[in-house]
N, C-alpha and C. Protein backbone atom coordinates (compact mmCIF):
# COMPACT_ATOMS: atom_id res chain seq x y z
N MET A 1 0.84 -1.19 0.00
CA MET A 1 0.00 0.00 0.00
C MET A 1 0.89 1.25 0.00
N ARG A 2 0.57 2.14 -0.85
CA ARG A 2 1.35 3.40 -0.90
C ARG A 2 0.89 4.31 0.22
N ASN A 3 1.85 4.77 0.99
CA ASN A 3 1.58 5.61 2.16
C ASN A 3 1.27 7.05 1.71
N PRO A 4 0.13 7.60 2.15
CA PRO A 4 -0.23 8.96 1.73
C PRO A 4 0.68 10.04 2.33
N LEU A 5 1.55 9.68 3.26
CA LEU A 5 2.46 10.67 3.84
C LEU A 5 3.73 10.87 3.02
N ILE A 6 3.95 10.02 2.01
CA ILE A 6 5.19 10.12 1.23
C ILE A 6 5.33 11.51 0.60
N GLY A 7 4.30 12.00 -0.06
CA GLY A 7 4.37 13.32 -0.70
C GLY A 7 4.65 14.44 0.29
N PRO A 8 3.85 14.54 1.38
CA PRO A 8 4.12 15.60 2.36
C PRO A 8 5.51 15.50 3.00
N ILE A 9 5.97 14.27 3.24
CA ILE A 9 7.30 14.10 3.85
C ILE A 9 8.38 14.51 2.85
N LEU A 10 8.23 14.15 1.60
CA LEU A 10 9.20 14.54 0.60
C LEU A 10 9.27 16.06 0.50
N HIS A 11 8.13 16.72 0.57
CA HIS A 11 8.07 18.19 0.56
C HIS A 11 8.84 18.76 1.76
N ILE A 12 8.65 18.18 2.93
CA ILE A 12 9.35 18.64 4.14
C ILE A 12 10.85 18.43 3.98
N LEU A 13 11.25 17.27 3.46
CA LEU A 13 12.68 16.99 3.29
C LEU A 13 13.34 17.96 2.31
N LYS A 14 12.63 18.34 1.27
CA LYS A 14 13.18 19.30 0.30
C LYS A 14 13.39 20.67 0.94
N LYS A 15 12.55 21.00 1.91
CA LYS A 15 12.70 22.28 2.61
C LYS A 15 13.87 22.27 3.59
N HIS A 16 14.39 21.08 3.91
CA HIS A 16 15.48 20.94 4.88
C HIS A 16 16.63 20.14 4.27
N PRO A 17 17.37 20.76 3.35
CA PRO A 17 18.46 20.01 2.70
C PRO A 17 19.56 19.59 3.67
N GLU A 18 19.64 20.26 4.82
CA GLU A 18 20.64 19.90 5.82
C GLU A 18 20.21 18.71 6.66
N GLY A 19 18.97 18.26 6.48
CA GLY A 19 18.43 17.13 7.23
C GLY A 19 17.49 17.61 8.32
N ILE A 20 16.72 16.67 8.85
CA ILE A 20 15.71 16.99 9.85
C ILE A 20 15.46 15.74 10.69
N GLY A 21 15.00 15.92 11.90
CA GLY A 21 14.69 14.79 12.77
C GLY A 21 13.25 14.33 12.60
N GLU A 22 12.98 13.11 13.04
CA GLU A 22 11.63 12.56 12.94
C GLU A 22 10.63 13.41 13.72
N PHE A 23 11.01 13.91 14.88
CA PHE A 23 10.11 14.73 15.68
C PHE A 23 9.67 15.97 14.90
N GLU A 24 10.63 16.62 14.24
CA GLU A 24 10.30 17.82 13.46
C GLU A 24 9.39 17.48 12.28
N ILE A 25 9.61 16.32 11.67
CA ILE A 25 8.72 15.88 10.59
C ILE A 25 7.31 15.69 11.13
N LEU A 26 7.20 15.05 12.29
CA LEU A 26 5.89 14.83 12.90
C LEU A 26 5.19 16.14 13.19
N GLN A 27 5.91 17.11 13.72
CA GLN A 27 5.30 18.41 14.03
C GLN A 27 4.79 19.09 12.77
N ALA A 28 5.60 19.04 11.71
CA ALA A 28 5.18 19.66 10.45
C ALA A 28 3.96 18.94 9.86
N LEU A 29 3.95 17.63 9.95
CA LEU A 29 2.81 16.86 9.42
C LEU A 29 1.53 17.15 10.21
N LYS A 30 1.65 17.29 11.52
CA LYS A 30 0.46 17.58 12.33
C LYS A 30 -0.15 18.92 11.93
N THR A 31 0.71 19.86 11.56
CA THR A 31 0.21 21.17 11.12
C THR A 31 -0.50 21.04 9.77
N GLN A 32 0.10 20.29 8.85
CA GLN A 32 -0.46 20.13 7.50
C GLN A 32 -1.67 19.20 7.48
N LEU A 33 -1.63 18.15 8.31
CA LEU A 33 -2.65 17.10 8.27
C LEU A 33 -3.24 16.88 9.67
N PRO A 34 -4.18 17.72 10.09
CA PRO A 34 -4.74 17.60 11.44
C PRO A 34 -5.34 16.22 11.74
N GLU A 35 -5.77 15.50 10.69
CA GLU A 35 -6.35 14.17 10.92
C GLU A 35 -5.32 13.17 11.46
N LEU A 36 -4.04 13.49 11.32
CA LEU A 36 -2.98 12.64 11.86
C LEU A 36 -3.04 12.58 13.39
N LYS A 37 -3.68 13.59 13.99
CA LYS A 37 -3.82 13.64 15.45
C LYS A 37 -4.96 12.75 15.93
N LYS A 38 -5.74 12.19 15.00
CA LYS A 38 -6.97 11.48 15.38
C LYS A 38 -6.94 10.00 15.02
N ILE A 39 -5.77 9.42 14.80
CA ILE A 39 -5.72 8.02 14.37
C ILE A 39 -5.77 7.03 15.53
N ALA A 40 -5.79 7.54 16.75
CA ALA A 40 -5.97 6.69 17.94
C ALA A 40 -6.36 7.59 19.10
N GLU A 41 -7.14 7.04 20.02
CA GLU A 41 -7.54 7.81 21.21
C GLU A 41 -6.49 7.74 22.30
N ASN A 42 -5.88 6.59 22.48
CA ASN A 42 -4.84 6.42 23.50
C ASN A 42 -3.57 7.14 23.05
N ALA A 43 -2.99 7.95 23.94
CA ALA A 43 -1.83 8.77 23.59
C ALA A 43 -0.62 7.93 23.14
N ASN A 44 -0.36 6.83 23.83
CA ASN A 44 0.78 6.00 23.46
C ASN A 44 0.56 5.31 22.12
N LEU A 45 -0.64 4.81 21.90
CA LEU A 45 -0.95 4.17 20.61
C LEU A 45 -0.92 5.21 19.49
N LEU A 46 -1.39 6.41 19.76
CA LEU A 46 -1.34 7.49 18.77
C LEU A 46 0.09 7.76 18.35
N LEU A 47 0.98 7.89 19.33
CA LEU A 47 2.38 8.16 19.02
C LEU A 47 3.00 7.01 18.24
N PHE A 48 2.69 5.77 18.63
CA PHE A 48 3.20 4.61 17.89
C PHE A 48 2.74 4.67 16.44
N ARG A 49 1.45 4.90 16.23
CA ARG A 49 0.92 4.91 14.87
C ARG A 49 1.51 6.04 14.03
N GLN A 50 1.66 7.22 14.62
CA GLN A 50 2.27 8.33 13.89
C GLN A 50 3.70 7.98 13.51
N HIS A 51 4.44 7.44 14.46
CA HIS A 51 5.82 7.04 14.21
C HIS A 51 5.87 5.98 13.10
N PHE A 52 5.02 4.98 13.21
CA PHE A 52 5.02 3.91 12.22
C PHE A 52 4.72 4.45 10.83
N LEU A 53 3.72 5.31 10.71
CA LEU A 53 3.36 5.87 9.41
C LEU A 53 4.50 6.68 8.81
N ILE A 54 5.19 7.44 9.65
CA ILE A 54 6.33 8.23 9.16
C ILE A 54 7.44 7.31 8.70
N MET A 55 7.77 6.31 9.51
CA MET A 55 8.87 5.42 9.13
C MET A 55 8.51 4.59 7.90
N ASN A 56 7.28 4.16 7.80
CA ASN A 56 6.83 3.42 6.62
C ASN A 56 7.00 4.29 5.37
N ALA A 57 6.55 5.53 5.47
CA ALA A 57 6.67 6.45 4.33
C ALA A 57 8.14 6.68 3.97
N LEU A 58 8.98 6.84 4.98
CA LEU A 58 10.40 7.08 4.72
C LEU A 58 11.05 5.88 4.04
N TYR A 59 10.76 4.67 4.51
CA TYR A 59 11.36 3.49 3.89
C TYR A 59 10.81 3.23 2.49
N GLN A 60 9.51 3.51 2.27
CA GLN A 60 8.98 3.40 0.92
C GLN A 60 9.68 4.40 -0.01
N LEU A 61 9.83 5.62 0.50
CA LEU A 61 10.50 6.66 -0.28
C LEU A 61 11.96 6.29 -0.55
N GLN A 62 12.64 5.80 0.48
CA GLN A 62 14.04 5.40 0.31
C GLN A 62 14.18 4.33 -0.77
N PHE A 63 13.29 3.35 -0.72
CA PHE A 63 13.33 2.26 -1.71
C PHE A 63 13.10 2.79 -3.12
N SER A 64 12.09 3.62 -3.30
CA SER A 64 11.80 4.14 -4.64
C SER A 64 12.91 5.06 -5.14
N LEU A 65 13.51 5.84 -4.24
CA LEU A 65 14.62 6.72 -4.65
C LEU A 65 15.85 5.89 -5.07
N ARG A 66 16.09 4.80 -4.36
CA ARG A 66 17.21 3.93 -4.74
C ARG A 66 16.97 3.32 -6.12
N GLN A 67 15.71 2.96 -6.40
CA GLN A 67 15.38 2.37 -7.69
C GLN A 67 15.65 3.37 -8.82
N GLU A 68 15.28 4.63 -8.57
CA GLU A 68 15.49 5.67 -9.58
C GLU A 68 16.96 6.03 -9.72
N GLY A 69 17.71 5.94 -8.65
CA GLY A 69 19.15 6.18 -8.68
C GLY A 69 19.59 7.62 -8.65
N ARG A 70 18.68 8.57 -8.51
CA ARG A 70 19.07 9.98 -8.52
C ARG A 70 19.29 10.54 -7.13
N LEU A 71 18.47 10.11 -6.19
CA LEU A 71 18.57 10.61 -4.82
C LEU A 71 18.70 9.44 -3.85
N SER A 72 19.29 9.71 -2.70
CA SER A 72 19.39 8.75 -1.62
C SER A 72 18.77 9.37 -0.39
N LEU A 73 18.28 8.54 0.48
CA LEU A 73 17.67 9.00 1.72
C LEU A 73 18.30 8.25 2.88
N THR A 74 18.89 8.99 3.82
CA THR A 74 19.39 8.35 5.04
C THR A 74 18.34 8.54 6.12
N ILE A 75 18.15 7.50 6.92
CA ILE A 75 17.09 7.51 7.92
C ILE A 75 17.64 7.11 9.27
N SER A 76 17.48 8.00 10.23
CA SER A 76 17.67 7.70 11.65
C SER A 76 16.70 8.63 12.38
N PRO A 77 16.29 8.29 13.58
CA PRO A 77 15.31 9.14 14.26
C PRO A 77 15.77 10.59 14.45
N MET A 78 17.06 10.77 14.61
CA MET A 78 17.56 12.11 14.87
C MET A 78 17.93 12.88 13.60
N HIS A 79 18.13 12.15 12.50
CA HIS A 79 18.58 12.84 11.29
C HIS A 79 18.14 12.08 10.05
N ILE A 80 17.28 12.72 9.28
CA ILE A 80 16.78 12.17 8.03
C ILE A 80 17.16 13.17 6.95
N GLN A 81 17.82 12.68 5.90
CA GLN A 81 18.34 13.62 4.92
C GLN A 81 18.33 13.03 3.52
N LEU A 82 17.93 13.88 2.56
CA LEU A 82 18.01 13.55 1.14
C LEU A 82 19.38 13.96 0.63
N PHE A 83 19.96 13.12 -0.24
CA PHE A 83 21.23 13.44 -0.87
C PHE A 83 21.12 13.12 -2.35
N SER A 84 21.88 13.84 -3.14
CA SER A 84 22.09 13.40 -4.51
C SER A 84 22.85 12.09 -4.39
N SER A 85 22.49 11.09 -5.16
CA SER A 85 23.18 9.79 -5.06
C SER A 85 24.67 9.92 -5.27
N LYS A 86 25.08 10.86 -6.08
CA LYS A 86 26.51 11.07 -6.32
C LYS A 86 27.21 11.70 -5.11
N LEU A 87 26.42 12.41 -4.28
CA LEU A 87 27.01 13.12 -3.16
C LEU A 87 26.85 12.41 -1.81
N THR A 88 26.15 11.28 -1.79
CA THR A 88 25.93 10.58 -0.53
C THR A 88 27.27 10.18 0.07
N PRO A 89 27.55 10.62 1.29
CA PRO A 89 28.83 10.27 1.90
C PRO A 89 28.99 8.76 2.01
N LEU A 90 30.19 8.26 1.73
CA LEU A 90 30.46 6.83 1.80
C LEU A 90 30.15 6.28 3.18
N ALA A 91 30.53 7.01 4.23
CA ALA A 91 30.27 6.55 5.59
C ALA A 91 28.77 6.35 5.82
N THR A 92 27.97 7.23 5.27
CA THR A 92 26.52 7.11 5.43
C THR A 92 26.02 5.85 4.73
N ARG A 93 26.52 5.58 3.52
CA ARG A 93 26.11 4.38 2.80
C ARG A 93 26.49 3.13 3.58
N GLN A 94 27.71 3.12 4.16
CA GLN A 94 28.14 1.96 4.94
C GLN A 94 27.29 1.81 6.19
N ASP A 95 26.96 2.91 6.85
CA ASP A 95 26.12 2.84 8.04
C ASP A 95 24.77 2.21 7.70
N ILE A 96 24.21 2.60 6.56
CA ILE A 96 22.91 2.06 6.14
C ILE A 96 23.03 0.56 5.96
N ASP A 97 24.07 0.11 5.28
CA ASP A 97 24.21 -1.30 4.98
C ASP A 97 24.60 -2.13 6.20
N ASN A 98 25.32 -1.56 7.15
CA ASN A 98 25.90 -2.35 8.22
C ASN A 98 25.16 -2.33 9.54
N HIS A 99 24.16 -1.54 9.71
CA HIS A 99 23.57 -1.40 11.04
C HIS A 99 22.12 -1.85 11.13
N GLY A 100 21.79 -2.91 10.46
CA GLY A 100 20.48 -3.52 10.62
C GLY A 100 19.33 -2.75 10.00
N GLU A 101 19.63 -1.85 9.08
CA GLU A 101 18.53 -1.10 8.49
C GLU A 101 17.59 -2.01 7.72
N ALA A 102 18.09 -3.09 7.18
CA ALA A 102 17.22 -4.01 6.43
C ALA A 102 16.13 -4.57 7.34
N LYS A 103 16.48 -4.90 8.57
CA LYS A 103 15.48 -5.42 9.51
C LYS A 103 14.46 -4.35 9.87
N LEU A 104 14.94 -3.15 10.12
CA LEU A 104 14.02 -2.06 10.42
C LEU A 104 13.11 -1.77 9.24
N ALA A 105 13.68 -1.73 8.07
CA ALA A 105 12.88 -1.46 6.87
C ALA A 105 11.82 -2.54 6.70
N ALA A 106 12.19 -3.79 6.88
CA ALA A 106 11.23 -4.88 6.73
C ALA A 106 10.08 -4.74 7.73
N TYR A 107 10.42 -4.36 8.95
CA TYR A 107 9.39 -4.17 9.98
C TYR A 107 8.44 -3.04 9.58
N TYR A 108 8.99 -1.89 9.26
CA TYR A 108 8.16 -0.72 8.96
C TYR A 108 7.44 -0.81 7.62
N LEU A 109 7.91 -1.63 6.72
CA LEU A 109 7.23 -1.79 5.44
C LEU A 109 6.11 -2.84 5.50
N ASP A 110 6.00 -3.53 6.62
CA ASP A 110 4.97 -4.55 6.79
C ASP A 110 3.74 -3.92 7.46
N TRP A 111 2.70 -3.68 6.66
CA TRP A 111 1.48 -3.03 7.19
C TRP A 111 0.82 -3.87 8.27
N LYS A 112 1.06 -5.18 8.28
CA LYS A 112 0.48 -6.03 9.33
C LYS A 112 0.97 -5.61 10.71
N GLU A 113 2.21 -5.13 10.79
CA GLU A 113 2.75 -4.67 12.08
C GLU A 113 1.94 -3.48 12.59
N TYR A 114 1.58 -2.60 11.69
CA TYR A 114 0.76 -1.44 12.05
C TYR A 114 -0.63 -1.90 12.50
N GLU A 115 -1.22 -2.76 11.71
CA GLU A 115 -2.59 -3.19 11.98
C GLU A 115 -2.72 -4.02 13.24
N LYS A 116 -1.74 -4.88 13.51
CA LYS A 116 -1.88 -5.79 14.64
C LYS A 116 -1.46 -5.17 15.98
N THR A 117 -0.71 -4.08 15.95
CA THR A 117 -0.23 -3.48 17.19
C THR A 117 -1.34 -2.65 17.82
N ASP A 118 -1.75 -3.05 19.02
CA ASP A 118 -2.83 -2.35 19.71
C ASP A 118 -2.30 -1.65 20.96
N GLU A 119 -3.22 -1.08 21.70
CA GLU A 119 -2.88 -0.31 22.90
C GLU A 119 -2.10 -1.17 23.90
N GLN A 120 -2.52 -2.40 24.08
CA GLN A 120 -1.84 -3.30 25.03
C GLN A 120 -0.41 -3.61 24.57
N ASP A 121 -0.24 -3.84 23.27
CA ASP A 121 1.10 -4.10 22.73
C ASP A 121 2.04 -2.92 22.98
N VAL A 122 1.52 -1.72 22.75
CA VAL A 122 2.35 -0.52 22.95
C VAL A 122 2.70 -0.38 24.43
N SER A 123 1.75 -0.64 25.31
CA SER A 123 2.02 -0.59 26.75
C SER A 123 3.11 -1.58 27.14
N GLN A 124 3.05 -2.78 26.56
CA GLN A 124 4.08 -3.79 26.85
C GLN A 124 5.44 -3.37 26.31
N LEU A 125 5.45 -2.78 25.11
CA LEU A 125 6.71 -2.28 24.56
C LEU A 125 7.33 -1.21 25.46
N LEU A 126 6.50 -0.29 25.92
CA LEU A 126 7.00 0.77 26.80
C LEU A 126 7.48 0.20 28.13
N ALA A 127 6.72 -0.73 28.70
CA ALA A 127 7.12 -1.33 29.98
C ALA A 127 8.45 -2.06 29.82
N SER A 128 8.61 -2.77 28.72
CA SER A 128 9.86 -3.48 28.46
C SER A 128 11.02 -2.50 28.32
N PHE A 129 10.78 -1.40 27.62
CA PHE A 129 11.80 -0.37 27.45
C PHE A 129 12.23 0.20 28.80
N TYR A 130 11.26 0.59 29.63
CA TYR A 130 11.57 1.16 30.93
C TYR A 130 12.24 0.15 31.85
N THR A 131 11.84 -1.11 31.74
CA THR A 131 12.47 -2.15 32.55
C THR A 131 13.94 -2.29 32.17
N ARG A 132 14.22 -2.28 30.86
CA ARG A 132 15.62 -2.40 30.43
C ARG A 132 16.46 -1.23 30.93
N ILE A 133 15.90 -0.04 30.89
CA ILE A 133 16.63 1.13 31.41
C ILE A 133 16.90 0.94 32.89
N TYR A 134 15.88 0.55 33.62
CA TYR A 134 16.00 0.35 35.07
C TYR A 134 17.02 -0.73 35.37
N LEU A 135 16.97 -1.83 34.61
CA LEU A 135 17.89 -2.93 34.85
C LEU A 135 19.32 -2.56 34.52
N ASN A 136 19.54 -1.71 33.52
CA ASN A 136 20.90 -1.29 33.22
C ASN A 136 21.51 -0.52 34.39
N ASP A 137 20.72 0.35 35.01
CA ASP A 137 21.21 1.06 36.19
C ASP A 137 21.44 0.06 37.32
N ASP A 138 20.51 -0.86 37.49
CA ASP A 138 20.64 -1.87 38.53
C ASP A 138 21.84 -2.77 38.29
N ARG A 139 22.14 -3.05 37.05
CA ARG A 139 23.26 -3.95 36.72
C ARG A 139 24.57 -3.39 37.26
N ASP A 140 24.79 -2.11 37.07
CA ASP A 140 26.02 -1.49 37.59
C ASP A 140 26.07 -1.59 39.12
N ALA A 141 24.94 -1.32 39.76
CA ALA A 141 24.89 -1.42 41.22
C ALA A 141 25.09 -2.87 41.66
N ALA A 142 24.53 -3.82 40.92
CA ALA A 142 24.67 -5.24 41.27
C ALA A 142 26.13 -5.68 41.16
N LEU A 143 26.80 -5.24 40.10
CA LEU A 143 28.22 -5.57 39.96
C LEU A 143 29.03 -5.04 41.14
N GLU A 144 28.71 -3.83 41.55
CA GLU A 144 29.40 -3.23 42.69
C GLU A 144 29.10 -4.01 43.97
N THR A 145 27.84 -4.38 44.18
CA THR A 145 27.45 -5.13 45.37
C THR A 145 28.20 -6.45 45.45
N LEU A 146 28.36 -7.13 44.31
CA LEU A 146 29.07 -8.41 44.30
C LEU A 146 30.58 -8.23 44.16
N GLN A 147 31.02 -6.99 44.19
CA GLN A 147 32.45 -6.66 44.13
C GLN A 147 33.10 -7.23 42.87
N ILE A 148 32.38 -7.08 41.76
CA ILE A 148 32.91 -7.46 40.45
C ILE A 148 33.20 -6.14 39.74
N PHE A 149 34.44 -5.95 39.34
CA PHE A 149 34.86 -4.64 38.89
C PHE A 149 35.10 -4.53 37.38
N HIS A 150 34.44 -5.37 36.62
CA HIS A 150 34.42 -5.21 35.16
C HIS A 150 33.00 -5.46 34.68
N LYS A 151 32.69 -4.97 33.50
CA LYS A 151 31.30 -4.90 33.03
C LYS A 151 30.71 -6.21 32.52
N SER A 152 31.51 -7.16 32.12
CA SER A 152 30.94 -8.36 31.49
C SER A 152 31.47 -9.66 32.09
N PRO A 153 31.11 -9.93 33.35
CA PRO A 153 31.55 -11.19 33.96
C PRO A 153 30.76 -12.38 33.38
N SER A 154 31.36 -13.54 33.43
CA SER A 154 30.66 -14.75 32.99
C SER A 154 29.66 -15.15 34.08
N LYS A 155 28.72 -16.01 33.72
CA LYS A 155 27.75 -16.50 34.70
C LYS A 155 28.46 -17.26 35.81
N GLU A 156 29.49 -18.00 35.45
CA GLU A 156 30.26 -18.75 36.45
C GLU A 156 30.94 -17.81 37.45
N GLU A 157 31.49 -16.73 36.94
CA GLU A 157 32.14 -15.75 37.81
C GLU A 157 31.13 -15.11 38.75
N ILE A 158 29.96 -14.79 38.23
CA ILE A 158 28.89 -14.21 39.07
C ILE A 158 28.50 -15.19 40.17
N LYS A 159 28.29 -16.46 39.80
CA LYS A 159 27.89 -17.48 40.78
C LYS A 159 28.97 -17.67 41.84
N ARG A 160 30.22 -17.77 41.40
CA ARG A 160 31.34 -17.96 42.34
C ARG A 160 31.42 -16.81 43.34
N GLN A 161 31.35 -15.58 42.83
CA GLN A 161 31.46 -14.40 43.69
C GLN A 161 30.26 -14.32 44.63
N TYR A 162 29.07 -14.61 44.12
CA TYR A 162 27.87 -14.60 44.96
C TYR A 162 28.01 -15.61 46.09
N ARG A 163 28.40 -16.84 45.76
CA ARG A 163 28.53 -17.89 46.79
C ARG A 163 29.53 -17.50 47.86
N LYS A 164 30.64 -16.94 47.43
CA LYS A 164 31.68 -16.53 48.38
C LYS A 164 31.14 -15.46 49.34
N LEU A 165 30.56 -14.39 48.78
CA LEU A 165 30.07 -13.29 49.62
C LEU A 165 28.83 -13.69 50.42
N ALA A 166 27.95 -14.51 49.83
CA ALA A 166 26.74 -14.95 50.54
C ALA A 166 27.10 -15.82 51.73
N HIS A 167 28.11 -16.64 51.56
CA HIS A 167 28.55 -17.48 52.69
C HIS A 167 29.02 -16.60 53.85
N GLN A 168 29.78 -15.57 53.53
CA GLN A 168 30.28 -14.66 54.57
C GLN A 168 29.15 -13.85 55.21
N ALA A 169 28.15 -13.48 54.42
CA ALA A 169 27.09 -12.60 54.90
C ALA A 169 25.88 -13.36 55.45
N HIS A 170 25.86 -14.68 55.32
CA HIS A 170 24.69 -15.44 55.75
C HIS A 170 24.45 -15.27 57.25
N PRO A 171 23.21 -14.99 57.64
CA PRO A 171 22.88 -14.78 59.06
C PRO A 171 23.25 -15.98 59.96
N ASP A 172 23.20 -17.18 59.41
CA ASP A 172 23.57 -18.37 60.19
C ASP A 172 25.06 -18.42 60.50
N HIS A 173 25.85 -17.64 59.77
CA HIS A 173 27.30 -17.60 59.99
C HIS A 173 27.73 -16.27 60.60
N GLY A 174 26.77 -15.61 61.22
CA GLY A 174 27.07 -14.35 61.90
C GLY A 174 27.03 -13.13 61.00
N GLY A 175 26.52 -13.30 59.79
CA GLY A 175 26.44 -12.18 58.86
C GLY A 175 25.18 -11.35 59.05
N ASN A 176 25.05 -10.35 58.22
CA ASN A 176 23.94 -9.40 58.28
C ASN A 176 22.85 -9.80 57.28
N THR A 177 21.59 -9.85 57.74
CA THR A 177 20.47 -10.24 56.89
C THR A 177 20.31 -9.29 55.71
N GLU A 178 20.39 -7.99 55.94
CA GLU A 178 20.23 -7.02 54.85
C GLU A 178 21.31 -7.18 53.79
N THR A 179 22.53 -7.40 54.22
CA THR A 179 23.63 -7.61 53.28
C THR A 179 23.38 -8.87 52.46
N PHE A 180 22.94 -9.92 53.13
CA PHE A 180 22.66 -11.18 52.45
C PHE A 180 21.58 -10.98 51.39
N ILE A 181 20.52 -10.29 51.75
CA ILE A 181 19.42 -10.03 50.80
C ILE A 181 19.92 -9.17 49.63
N SER A 182 20.73 -8.17 49.90
CA SER A 182 21.30 -7.33 48.84
C SER A 182 22.14 -8.14 47.88
N LEU A 183 22.91 -9.06 48.41
CA LEU A 183 23.72 -9.92 47.56
C LEU A 183 22.84 -10.79 46.66
N ARG A 184 21.77 -11.33 47.25
CA ARG A 184 20.86 -12.17 46.47
C ARG A 184 20.18 -11.37 45.36
N GLN A 185 19.76 -10.14 45.69
CA GLN A 185 19.15 -9.28 44.67
C GLN A 185 20.12 -8.98 43.54
N ALA A 186 21.35 -8.69 43.89
CA ALA A 186 22.37 -8.40 42.89
C ALA A 186 22.59 -9.63 42.00
N TYR A 187 22.66 -10.78 42.62
CA TYR A 187 22.84 -12.04 41.89
C TYR A 187 21.70 -12.27 40.90
N GLU A 188 20.46 -12.09 41.37
CA GLU A 188 19.28 -12.27 40.51
C GLU A 188 19.30 -11.27 39.34
N CYS A 189 19.65 -10.05 39.63
CA CYS A 189 19.70 -9.01 38.59
C CYS A 189 20.70 -9.36 37.51
N LEU A 190 21.87 -9.85 37.89
CA LEU A 190 22.92 -10.15 36.92
C LEU A 190 22.64 -11.40 36.10
N LEU A 191 21.81 -12.28 36.61
CA LEU A 191 21.52 -13.50 35.86
C LEU A 191 20.34 -13.35 34.91
N LEU A 192 19.68 -12.19 34.89
CA LEU A 192 18.57 -11.98 33.95
C LEU A 192 19.04 -11.98 32.53
């Protein structure tokens, strides 16, 4: 299905030869196409759908521009830019080819992904995102708690260090209950 946002997005990109971010494209589209604000009632689902429609349009445009061979389009959330194919920086072409853009393009070009994603799916995506952020902060604290001073210990190293410190901190061996619990939490966090 041809995305009706391709024309308006191409117009926006032509106005910004230096490139533009996805957020700025969304703001410009909302001004031009007020109905874009009404494609979902739930705020998170609305944002997902707007994002999906923009990315779908960008990848459709990128594909058609590559077929024509005159212009290239680089796509990232922070910087989207049209280039003359002759002027596209080599580094940009390599970034496109080497950083999983094919997977992203396949996802955003599949209308089924748009249709099947509902409010609950978006809530789960957001919860997963926030959990990963929270766990990354926790991971550093957990490494410190287990007195592991490098970022990527093996599971065996984590288990060995946990057993050593847990034995020392176990309340049955004269240790502190809070310390023991902290060690266990750190261990659980690192094994996720």
